[in-house]
C-alpha atoms as a PDB file:
ATOM      1  CA  MET A   1     -23.635  55.390  31.149  1.00  0.00           C
ATOM      2  CA  THR A   2     -20.602  55.639  28.855  1.00  0.00           C
ATOM      3  CA  ASP A   3     -20.248  51.852  28.727  1.00  0.00           C
ATOM      4  CA  LEU A   4     -23.908  51.463  27.831  1.00  0.00           C
ATOM      5  CA  LEU A   5     -23.592  54.047  25.064  1.00  0.00           C
ATOM      6  CA  LEU A   6     -20.449  52.429  23.639  1.00  0.00           C
ATOM      7  CA  THR A   7     -22.027  48.982  23.777  1.00  0.00           C
ATOM      8  CA  SER A   8     -25.155  50.120  21.964  1.00  0.00           C
ATOM      9  CA  ILE A   9     -23.126  51.915  19.281  1.00  0.00           C
ATOM     10  CA  ARG A  10     -20.912  48.836  18.797  1.00  0.00           C
ATOM     11  CA  ASP A  11     -23.942  46.553  18.597  1.00  0.00           C
ATOM     12  CA  ALA A  12     -25.513  48.825  15.992  1.00  0.00           C
ATOM     13  CA  ILE A  13     -22.413  49.277  13.827  1.00  0.00           C
ATOM     14  CA  LEU A  14     -20.721  45.878  14.078  1.00  0.00           C
ATOM     15  CA  PRO A  15     -23.221  43.940  11.904  1.00  0.00           C
ATOM     16  CA  GLU A  16     -22.940  46.550   9.144  1.00  0.00           C
ATOM     17  CA  ILE A  17     -19.151  46.423   9.218  1.00  0.00           C
ATOM     18  CA  GLN A  18     -19.210  42.619   9.074  1.00  0.00           C
ATOM     19  CA  GLN A  19     -21.602  42.736   6.127  1.00  0.00           C
ATOM     20  CA  LEU A  20     -19.372  45.204   4.260  1.00  0.00           C
ATOM     21  CA  ILE A  21     -16.311  43.021   4.831  1.00  0.00           C
ATOM     22  CA  GLU A  22     -18.147  39.872   3.701  1.00  0.00           C
ATOM     23  CA  SER A  23     -19.428  41.554   0.545  1.00  0.00           C
ATOM     24  CA  ALA A  24     -15.918  42.812  -0.267  1.00  0.00           C
ATOM     25  CA  PHE A  25     -14.521  39.270   0.072  1.00  0.00           C
ATOM     26  CA  LYS A  26     -17.332  37.827  -2.039  1.00  0.00           C
ATOM     27  CA  LYS A  27     -16.715  40.401  -4.766  1.00  0.00           C
ATOM     28  CA  GLN A  28     -12.988  39.680  -4.778  1.00  0.00           C
ATOM     29  CA  SER A  29     -13.653  35.928  -4.897  1.00  0.00           C
ATOM     30  CA  ALA A  30     -16.106  36.364  -7.770  1.00  0.00           C
ATOM     31  CA  GLU A  31     -13.568  38.394  -9.741  1.00  0.00           C
ATOM     32  CA  THR A  32     -10.950  35.713  -9.162  1.00  0.00           C
ATOM     33  CA  LEU A  33     -13.321  32.976 -10.249  1.00  0.00           C
ATOM     34  CA  ALA A  34     -14.402  35.005 -13.276  1.00  0.00           C
ATOM     35  CA  GLU A  35     -11.136  34.125 -15.021  1.00  0.00           C
ATOM     36  CA  LYS A  36     -12.250  32.428 -18.195  1.00  0.00           C
ATOM     37  CA  PHE A  37     -10.693  29.250 -19.454  1.00  0.00           C
ATOM     38  CA  LEU A  38     -10.500  28.775 -23.212  1.00  0.00           C
ATOM     39  CA  SER A  39     -10.318  25.614 -25.255  1.00  0.00           C
ATOM     40  CA  VAL A  40      -7.623  25.248 -27.888  1.00  0.00           C
ATOM     41  CA  ASP A  41     -10.188  26.180 -30.565  1.00  0.00           C
ATOM     42  CA  ALA A  42     -11.225  29.340 -28.726  1.00  0.00           C
ATOM     43  CA  ALA A  43      -7.594  30.321 -28.176  1.00  0.00           C
ATOM     44  CA  GLN A  44      -6.895  29.873 -31.904  1.00  0.00           C
ATOM     45  CA  LYS A  45      -9.700  32.229 -32.842  1.00  0.00           C
ATOM     46  CA  MET A  46      -8.341  35.023 -30.638  1.00  0.00           C
ATOM     47  CA  PHE A  47      -5.456  35.658 -33.007  1.00  0.00           C
ATOM     48  CA  GLU A  48      -5.523  37.545 -36.276  1.00  0.00           C
ATOM     49  CA  PRO A  49      -4.548  35.869 -38.559  1.00  0.00           C
ATOM     50  CA  LYS A  50      -6.005  32.713 -37.010  1.00  0.00           C
ATOM     51  CA  VAL A  51      -3.335  30.245 -35.931  1.00  0.00           C
ATOM     52  CA  SER A  52      -3.359  26.468 -36.194  1.00  0.00           C
ATOM     53  CA  ARG A  53      -3.661  23.992 -33.327  1.00  0.00           C
ATOM     54  CA  GLY A  54      -0.060  23.011 -33.936  1.00  0.00           C
ATOM     55  CA  THR A  55       1.048  26.602 -33.509  1.00  0.00           C
ATOM     56  CA  ILE A  56      -0.778  26.814 -30.184  1.00  0.00           C
ATOM     57  CA  TYR A  57       0.966  23.651 -28.992  1.00  0.00           C
ATOM     58  CA  ASN A  58       4.325  24.967 -30.235  1.00  0.00           C
ATOM     59  CA  TRP A  59       3.788  28.162 -28.228  1.00  0.00           C
ATOM     60  CA  VAL A  60       3.118  26.050 -25.140  1.00  0.00           C
ATOM     61  CA  GLU A  61       6.409  24.211 -25.707  1.00  0.00           C
ATOM     62  CA  ALA A  62       8.233  27.523 -26.311  1.00  0.00           C
ATOM     63  CA  GLY A  63       6.802  29.031 -23.115  1.00  0.00           C
ATOM     64  CA  TYR A  64       4.647  31.730 -24.722  1.00  0.00           C
ATOM     65  CA  LEU A  65       1.473  30.101 -23.375  1.00  0.00           C
ATOM     66  CA  THR A  66       0.736  28.078 -20.270  1.00  0.00           C
ATOM     67  CA  SER A  67      -1.788  25.304 -20.641  1.00  0.00           C
ATOM     68  CA  TYR A  68      -3.823  23.620 -17.934  1.00  0.00           C
ATOM     69  CA  VAL A  69      -5.547  20.252 -17.993  1.00  0.00           C
ATOM     70  CA  ILE A  70      -9.056  20.286 -16.548  1.00  0.00           C
ATOM     71  CA  GLY A  71     -11.186  17.190 -16.910  1.00  0.00           C
ATOM     72  CA  GLY A  72      -8.761  15.717 -19.416  1.00  0.00           C
ATOM     73  CA  ARG A  73      -8.997  18.773 -21.698  1.00  0.00           C
ATOM     74  CA  ARG A  74      -6.238  21.268 -22.356  1.00  0.00           C
ATOM     75  CA  VAL A  75      -7.344  24.825 -21.606  1.00  0.00           C
ATOM     76  CA  PHE A  76      -5.777  28.269 -21.434  1.00  0.00           C
ATOM     77  CA  LYS A  77      -6.471  31.247 -19.184  1.00  0.00           C
ATOM     78  CA  TYR A  78      -8.001  34.127 -21.120  1.00  0.00           C
ATOM     79  CA  SER A  79      -5.687  36.683 -19.495  1.00  0.00           C
ATOM     80  CA  GLU A  80      -2.605  34.633 -20.371  1.00  0.00           C
ATOM     81  CA  VAL A  81      -3.665  34.355 -24.014  1.00  0.00           C
ATOM     82  CA  LEU A  82      -3.978  38.152 -24.089  1.00  0.00           C
ATOM     83  CA  GLU A  83      -0.453  38.419 -22.674  1.00  0.00           C
ATOM     84  CA  ALA A  84       0.791  36.032 -25.361  1.00  0.00           C
ATOM     85  CA  VAL A  85      -0.620  38.327 -28.038  1.00  0.00           C
ATOM     86  CA  GLN A  86       1.676  41.021 -26.676  1.00  0.00           C
ATOM     87  CA  LYS A  87       4.696  38.689 -26.606  1.00  0.00           C
ATOM     88  CA  ILE A  88       4.180  37.406 -30.127  1.00  0.00           C
ATOM     89  CA  LYS A  89       4.439  40.579 -32.182  1.00  0.00           C
ATOM     90  CA  LYS A  90       3.627  38.837 -35.469  1.00  0.00           C
ATOM     91  CA  TYR A  91      -0.016  38.426 -34.412  1.00  0.00           C
ATOM     92  CA  SER A  92      -2.610  40.740 -32.999  1.00  0.00           C
ATOM     93  CA  ARG A  93      -5.720  40.230 -30.925  1.00  0.00           C
ATOM     94  CA  LYS A  94      -8.760  39.663 -33.060  1.00  0.00           C
ATOM     95  CA  SER A  95     -11.257  42.483 -32.601  1.00  0.00           C
ATOM     96  CA  GLU A  96     -14.409  41.600 -30.669  1.00  0.00           C
ATOM     97  CA  ALA A  97     -16.641  43.159 -33.355  1.00  0.00           C
ATOM     98  CA  ALA A  98     -15.493  40.770 -36.072  1.00  0.00           C
END
């Protein structure tokens, strides 16, 4: 009797637990994939005052920014550009409203 009860409880609960675990992994994967990549032009516009392309490339050489090449284009991670704003005190992040 006890084994039958435990088996039926396990059979009823196990699919729900598996679904919760799968949805948690999917959510975490989606958040990871949600990292935006910015072109050089988009990265320029994030700074106030706006910086030149040359300045962006100089910051890559100096180690302030990390660039990635995807499909032959140089891109930057959004989160890393935000970190660079903090490192480079001379500039600030352009407000989203502007």
